[in-house]
């Protein structure tokens, strides 16, 4: 288990344990998704995925709090994390949805079918929301700050933020001489200023890989891949219909009263079909800022719906 009890970030160390099981899932001719199993195999199954440009192991401060109780299955989006980099032409939101279905098939095949809960952050939330199965493969969904916008709008703050985010991502520094160089850059950025100690170091470990043709390290998810998803997210965000979901769904948003760090947070409190809450004083990266509160929110939802 990870230990974090340090007064400053440079002294905090997160150690991710070896998975109980690793399965390589061939989702198409060019793409492999590596699925890993952690936690308690006798517990209710949680299937987790992450936000654009990140990796699910980066979320360990959050999901490590759930491994004693739950059967925790994690996977990375294509061209992220443990997965090899695939072609840019296939790096699309519809591909994420198709991969999601193949991953669920593989989980059923290798680990058996049982009650399971989907836990997704940001852009990975699009997979269950846009899937033709409409949540029927889950007993419940917990979605952390999904990138949504109000239907019927064509040009608004969301679109402008998406365009700006894509431009920034396309210009990201993508190679580093050492992981320490990456950490020092992250520690001066405001993105994770309220995150738990050790976040920058954990990000270096989980989102960088050794360069294949040059000394040093590079982003596991290439910046053009990350930028392409951001550029097109606004086209799919308006297609989300929570009324079509056939399982209980909890949405946990960032604080909508604060300046947004990624895309504007949509307050869903008026939607009768959604169990919506937000965590005060959190940004889009709430699982790194308040991991205990996020884990407790998952437990409360499952208890309130009789799922755990």
Foldseek 3Di string as FASTA:
>chain_A
DADADDPAQVPGDGDDDDFPDWDWFCLDPFWIKIKGKAADLVAAEEEEEEDFLAGVLLLCVQCVVVRPHYTYMYIYFTLFFPIAHGDLVQLELVNLLSVVVSVLVVCCVPSNQDAYEYEYAESNVVNCQVHPCQAPSHQEYEYEQYLADEAPDDDDQQLVLLLVLLVVLLPDDFWDQELVVQLVVVCVDPLCVLFGRNSSVSRSVGQWDADPPDHGIGGSRRSNSSSVHSNCVHVCRNVGDLVSHDHAYEYEYEDQVDDADGGRGDDPVPPPRYNYYYDPPGYSPRCRNCSVVVNVVVVVVCVVVVND
